Amino acid sequence: MTSMWRLSLLAIVGLALSGAGCATSDQWADWKGHTTHFASGEHGLFSLRNDNEGRRPRVTRLDVDASRAENWWGKTISVDSAQIIQN
């Protein structure tokens, strides 16, 4: 029973350390400044849809409006106004 407890504790510590190493100090500060990971469901869907380090982002006019209205946070994705997809 003791070895199972130790193995579980080791697994938890390992997961915590591996998760902590995936963010920069700026990202941690940004994360700690909010009570949720995303500002809204739309923010979450936008982030999932554009989770490729900003390469070829897909931004719609509704995304721009929602980000302003909901005060989205995190890494900014910049696109030229000509690249914004009209809804």
N, C-alpha and C. Protein backbone atom coordinates (compact mmCIF):
# COMPACT_ATOMS: atom_id res chain seq x y z
N MET A 1 0.82 -1.19 0.00
CA MET A 1 0.00 0.00 0.00
C MET A 1 0.87 1.26 0.00
N THR A 2 1.96 1.25 0.74
CA THR A 2 2.85 2.40 0.82
C THR A 2 3.49 2.69 -0.54
N SER A 3 3.89 1.66 -1.26
CA SER A 3 4.53 1.88 -2.56
C SER A 3 3.53 2.46 -3.56
N MET A 4 2.26 2.08 -3.47
CA MET A 4 1.23 2.64 -4.36
C MET A 4 1.02 4.12 -4.04
N TRP A 5 1.07 4.48 -2.75
CA TRP A 5 0.92 5.88 -2.34
C TRP A 5 2.10 6.70 -2.85
N ARG A 6 3.28 6.16 -2.73
CA ARG A 6 4.48 6.87 -3.20
C ARG A 6 4.45 7.05 -4.72
N LEU A 7 4.03 6.01 -5.42
CA LEU A 7 3.94 6.09 -6.87
C LEU A 7 2.92 7.15 -7.29
N SER A 8 1.80 7.20 -6.61
CA SER A 8 0.77 8.20 -6.91
C SER A 8 1.29 9.61 -6.64
N LEU A 9 1.96 9.78 -5.52
CA LEU A 9 2.53 11.08 -5.17
C LEU A 9 3.57 11.51 -6.20
N LEU A 10 4.41 10.60 -6.61
CA LEU A 10 5.43 10.89 -7.61
C LEU A 10 4.78 11.29 -8.94
N ALA A 11 3.72 10.60 -9.33
CA ALA A 11 3.02 10.92 -10.58
C ALA A 11 2.41 12.32 -10.51
N ILE A 12 1.81 12.66 -9.38
CA ILE A 12 1.20 13.98 -9.22
C ILE A 12 2.26 15.08 -9.27
N VAL A 13 3.36 14.88 -8.58
CA VAL A 13 4.45 15.87 -8.59
C VAL A 13 5.02 16.00 -10.00
N GLY A 14 5.18 14.89 -10.69
CA GLY A 14 5.70 14.92 -12.06
C GLY A 14 4.78 15.68 -13.00
N LEU A 15 3.49 15.45 -12.88
CA LEU A 15 2.53 16.17 -13.73
C LEU A 15 2.55 17.66 -13.43
N ALA A 16 2.61 18.00 -12.15
CA ALA A 16 2.64 19.42 -11.76
C ALA A 16 3.88 20.10 -12.31
N LEU A 17 5.02 19.46 -12.20
CA LEU A 17 6.26 20.05 -12.69
C LEU A 17 6.28 20.16 -14.21
N SER A 18 5.76 19.16 -14.90
CA SER A 18 5.76 19.21 -16.36
C SER A 18 4.80 20.28 -16.86
N GLY A 19 3.68 20.47 -16.18
CA GLY A 19 2.75 21.52 -16.56
C GLY A 19 3.29 22.89 -16.27
N ALA A 20 4.00 23.05 -15.20
CA ALA A 20 4.56 24.34 -14.82
C ALA A 20 5.66 24.77 -15.78
N GLY A 21 6.34 23.84 -16.39
CA GLY A 21 7.43 24.17 -17.28
C GLY A 21 7.00 24.57 -18.68
N CYS A 22 5.73 24.54 -18.96
CA CYS A 22 5.24 24.81 -20.31
C CYS A 22 4.88 26.27 -20.55
N ALA A 23 4.95 27.11 -19.54
CA ALA A 23 4.56 28.51 -19.71
C ALA A 23 5.71 29.43 -19.28
N THR A 24 5.76 30.58 -19.93
CA THR A 24 6.76 31.58 -19.55
C THR A 24 6.25 32.34 -18.33
N SER A 25 7.11 33.11 -17.71
CA SER A 25 6.68 33.88 -16.54
C SER A 25 5.61 34.90 -16.92
N ASP A 26 5.69 35.47 -18.12
CA ASP A 26 4.66 36.40 -18.59
C ASP A 26 3.32 35.69 -18.77
N GLN A 27 3.36 34.47 -19.32
CA GLN A 27 2.14 33.69 -19.49
C GLN A 27 1.53 33.33 -18.14
N TRP A 28 2.36 32.97 -17.17
CA TRP A 28 1.85 32.65 -15.83
C TRP A 28 1.22 33.88 -15.20
N ALA A 29 1.85 35.04 -15.35
CA ALA A 29 1.29 36.28 -14.79
C ALA A 29 -0.05 36.60 -15.43
N ASP A 30 -0.14 36.41 -16.74
CA ASP A 30 -1.40 36.65 -17.45
C ASP A 30 -2.47 35.68 -16.95
N TRP A 31 -2.10 34.42 -16.79
CA TRP A 31 -3.04 33.39 -16.34
C TRP A 31 -3.53 33.68 -14.93
N LYS A 32 -2.61 34.08 -14.05
CA LYS A 32 -2.98 34.36 -12.66
C LYS A 32 -3.89 35.58 -12.53
N GLY A 33 -3.86 36.46 -13.52
CA GLY A 33 -4.66 37.68 -13.49
C GLY A 33 -6.12 37.47 -13.85
N HIS A 34 -6.51 36.25 -14.19
CA HIS A 34 -7.89 35.98 -14.59
C HIS A 34 -8.43 34.77 -13.82
N THR A 35 -9.73 34.74 -13.65
CA THR A 35 -10.34 33.63 -12.90
C THR A 35 -10.66 32.43 -13.78
N THR A 36 -10.61 32.60 -15.10
CA THR A 36 -10.87 31.51 -16.02
C THR A 36 -9.79 31.48 -17.09
N HIS A 37 -9.72 30.38 -17.82
CA HIS A 37 -8.71 30.26 -18.86
C HIS A 37 -9.06 31.12 -20.07
N PHE A 38 -10.35 31.19 -20.41
CA PHE A 38 -10.83 31.99 -21.53
C PHE A 38 -11.90 32.95 -21.06
N ALA A 39 -12.05 34.06 -21.76
CA ALA A 39 -13.06 35.06 -21.38
C ALA A 39 -14.47 34.56 -21.66
N SER A 40 -14.62 33.68 -22.65
CA SER A 40 -15.94 33.17 -23.02
C SER A 40 -15.77 31.93 -23.89
N GLY A 41 -16.87 31.33 -24.24
CA GLY A 41 -16.82 30.19 -25.16
C GLY A 41 -16.29 30.58 -26.52
N GLU A 42 -16.66 31.77 -26.99
CA GLU A 42 -16.17 32.25 -28.28
C GLU A 42 -14.65 32.43 -28.24
N HIS A 43 -14.15 32.93 -27.13
CA HIS A 43 -12.70 33.10 -26.95
C HIS A 43 -12.00 31.74 -27.02
N GLY A 44 -12.57 30.75 -26.34
CA GLY A 44 -12.00 29.41 -26.35
C GLY A 44 -12.00 28.80 -27.74
N LEU A 45 -13.11 28.92 -28.45
CA LEU A 45 -13.19 28.37 -29.81
C LEU A 45 -12.21 29.07 -30.75
N PHE A 46 -12.09 30.39 -30.60
CA PHE A 46 -11.13 31.14 -31.41
C PHE A 46 -9.71 30.63 -31.15
N SER A 47 -9.37 30.46 -29.88
CA SER A 47 -8.03 30.01 -29.53
C SER A 47 -7.75 28.60 -30.05
N LEU A 48 -8.72 27.72 -29.96
CA LEU A 48 -8.54 26.36 -30.49
C LEU A 48 -8.40 26.38 -32.01
N ARG A 49 -9.18 27.21 -32.66
CA ARG A 49 -9.14 27.29 -34.12
C ARG A 49 -7.82 27.87 -34.61
N ASN A 50 -7.19 28.72 -33.82
CA ASN A 50 -5.95 29.39 -34.23
C ASN A 50 -4.75 28.92 -33.42
N ASP A 51 -4.77 27.70 -32.95
CA ASP A 51 -3.68 27.17 -32.12
C ASP A 51 -2.55 26.62 -32.98
N ASN A 52 -1.96 27.48 -33.77
CA ASN A 52 -0.83 27.04 -34.60
C ASN A 52 0.22 28.15 -34.68
N GLU A 53 0.49 28.77 -33.50
CA GLU A 53 1.53 29.79 -33.37
C GLU A 53 1.33 30.97 -34.31
N GLY A 54 0.08 31.30 -34.61
CA GLY A 54 -0.20 32.48 -35.41
C GLY A 54 0.00 32.33 -36.90
N ARG A 55 0.33 31.14 -37.35
CA ARG A 55 0.49 30.93 -38.80
C ARG A 55 -0.89 30.80 -39.42
N ARG A 56 -1.11 31.56 -40.46
CA ARG A 56 -2.37 31.56 -41.21
C ARG A 56 -3.58 31.66 -40.28
N PRO A 57 -3.69 32.69 -39.48
CA PRO A 57 -4.83 32.82 -38.57
C PRO A 57 -6.13 33.01 -39.34
N ARG A 58 -7.21 32.53 -38.74
CA ARG A 58 -8.56 32.67 -39.32
C ARG A 58 -9.34 33.57 -38.37
N VAL A 59 -9.50 34.82 -38.77
CA VAL A 59 -10.16 35.81 -37.93
C VAL A 59 -11.37 36.36 -38.67
N THR A 60 -12.52 36.33 -38.00
CA THR A 60 -13.74 36.87 -38.60
C THR A 60 -14.06 38.22 -37.96
N ARG A 61 -14.94 38.95 -38.58
CA ARG A 61 -15.38 40.23 -38.03
C ARG A 61 -16.05 39.99 -36.67
N LEU A 62 -16.80 38.89 -36.52
CA LEU A 62 -17.42 38.57 -35.23
C LEU A 62 -16.38 38.32 -34.15
N ASP A 63 -15.24 37.70 -34.52
CA ASP A 63 -14.15 37.48 -33.56
C ASP A 63 -13.61 38.82 -33.05
N VAL A 64 -13.41 39.75 -33.97
CA VAL A 64 -12.88 41.06 -33.59
C VAL A 64 -13.85 41.77 -32.64
N ASP A 65 -15.15 41.74 -33.00
CA ASP A 65 -16.16 42.40 -32.17
C ASP A 65 -16.25 41.74 -30.79
N ALA A 66 -16.22 40.40 -30.75
CA ALA A 66 -16.32 39.68 -29.47
C ALA A 66 -15.09 39.94 -28.61
N SER A 67 -13.91 40.00 -29.23
CA SER A 67 -12.69 40.23 -28.43
C SER A 67 -12.72 41.60 -27.78
N ARG A 68 -13.26 42.57 -28.46
CA ARG A 68 -13.36 43.91 -27.87
C ARG A 68 -14.41 43.94 -26.77
N ALA A 69 -15.56 43.34 -27.03
CA ALA A 69 -16.67 43.38 -26.06
C ALA A 69 -16.36 42.58 -24.80
N GLU A 70 -15.63 41.46 -24.95
CA GLU A 70 -15.38 40.55 -23.83
C GLU A 70 -13.98 40.71 -23.23
N ASN A 71 -13.20 41.63 -23.75
CA ASN A 71 -11.84 41.87 -23.25
C ASN A 71 -11.00 40.60 -23.21
N TRP A 72 -10.86 39.96 -24.36
CA TRP A 72 -10.06 38.74 -24.44
C TRP A 72 -8.63 39.04 -24.02
N TRP A 73 -7.94 38.03 -23.49
CA TRP A 73 -6.55 38.17 -23.09
C TRP A 73 -5.74 37.05 -23.71
N GLY A 74 -4.44 37.13 -23.54
CA GLY A 74 -3.54 36.10 -24.07
C GLY A 74 -2.72 36.63 -25.22
N LYS A 75 -2.13 35.73 -25.97
CA LYS A 75 -1.27 36.11 -27.08
C LYS A 75 -2.11 36.76 -28.18
N THR A 76 -1.69 37.92 -28.61
CA THR A 76 -2.41 38.66 -29.65
C THR A 76 -2.12 38.07 -31.01
N ILE A 77 -3.18 37.89 -31.79
CA ILE A 77 -3.03 37.44 -33.17
C ILE A 77 -3.34 38.64 -34.05
N SER A 78 -2.35 39.10 -34.78
CA SER A 78 -2.50 40.27 -35.63
C SER A 78 -2.71 39.85 -37.07
N VAL A 79 -3.69 40.48 -37.69
CA VAL A 79 -3.93 40.26 -39.11
C VAL A 79 -4.19 41.61 -39.76
N ASP A 80 -3.89 41.70 -41.03
CA ASP A 80 -4.21 42.88 -41.79
C ASP A 80 -5.73 42.94 -41.95
N SER A 81 -6.28 44.14 -42.04
CA SER A 81 -7.74 44.28 -42.14
C SER A 81 -8.28 43.56 -43.37
N ALA A 82 -7.48 43.43 -44.42
CA ALA A 82 -7.92 42.72 -45.62
C ALA A 82 -8.05 41.21 -45.39
N GLN A 83 -7.38 40.70 -44.34
CA GLN A 83 -7.43 39.26 -44.05
C GLN A 83 -8.62 38.87 -43.19
N ILE A 84 -9.33 39.84 -42.61
CA ILE A 84 -10.46 39.53 -41.75
C ILE A 84 -11.60 39.02 -42.60
N ILE A 85 -12.11 37.87 -42.22
CA ILE A 85 -13.19 37.22 -42.97
C ILE A 85 -14.51 37.88 -42.59
N GLN A 86 -15.25 38.32 -43.58
CA GLN A 86 -16.56 38.92 -43.31
C GLN A 86 -17.58 37.80 -43.06
N ASN A 87 -18.44 38.00 -42.06
CA ASN A 87 -19.42 36.97 -41.70
C ASN A 87 -20.62 37.05 -42.58
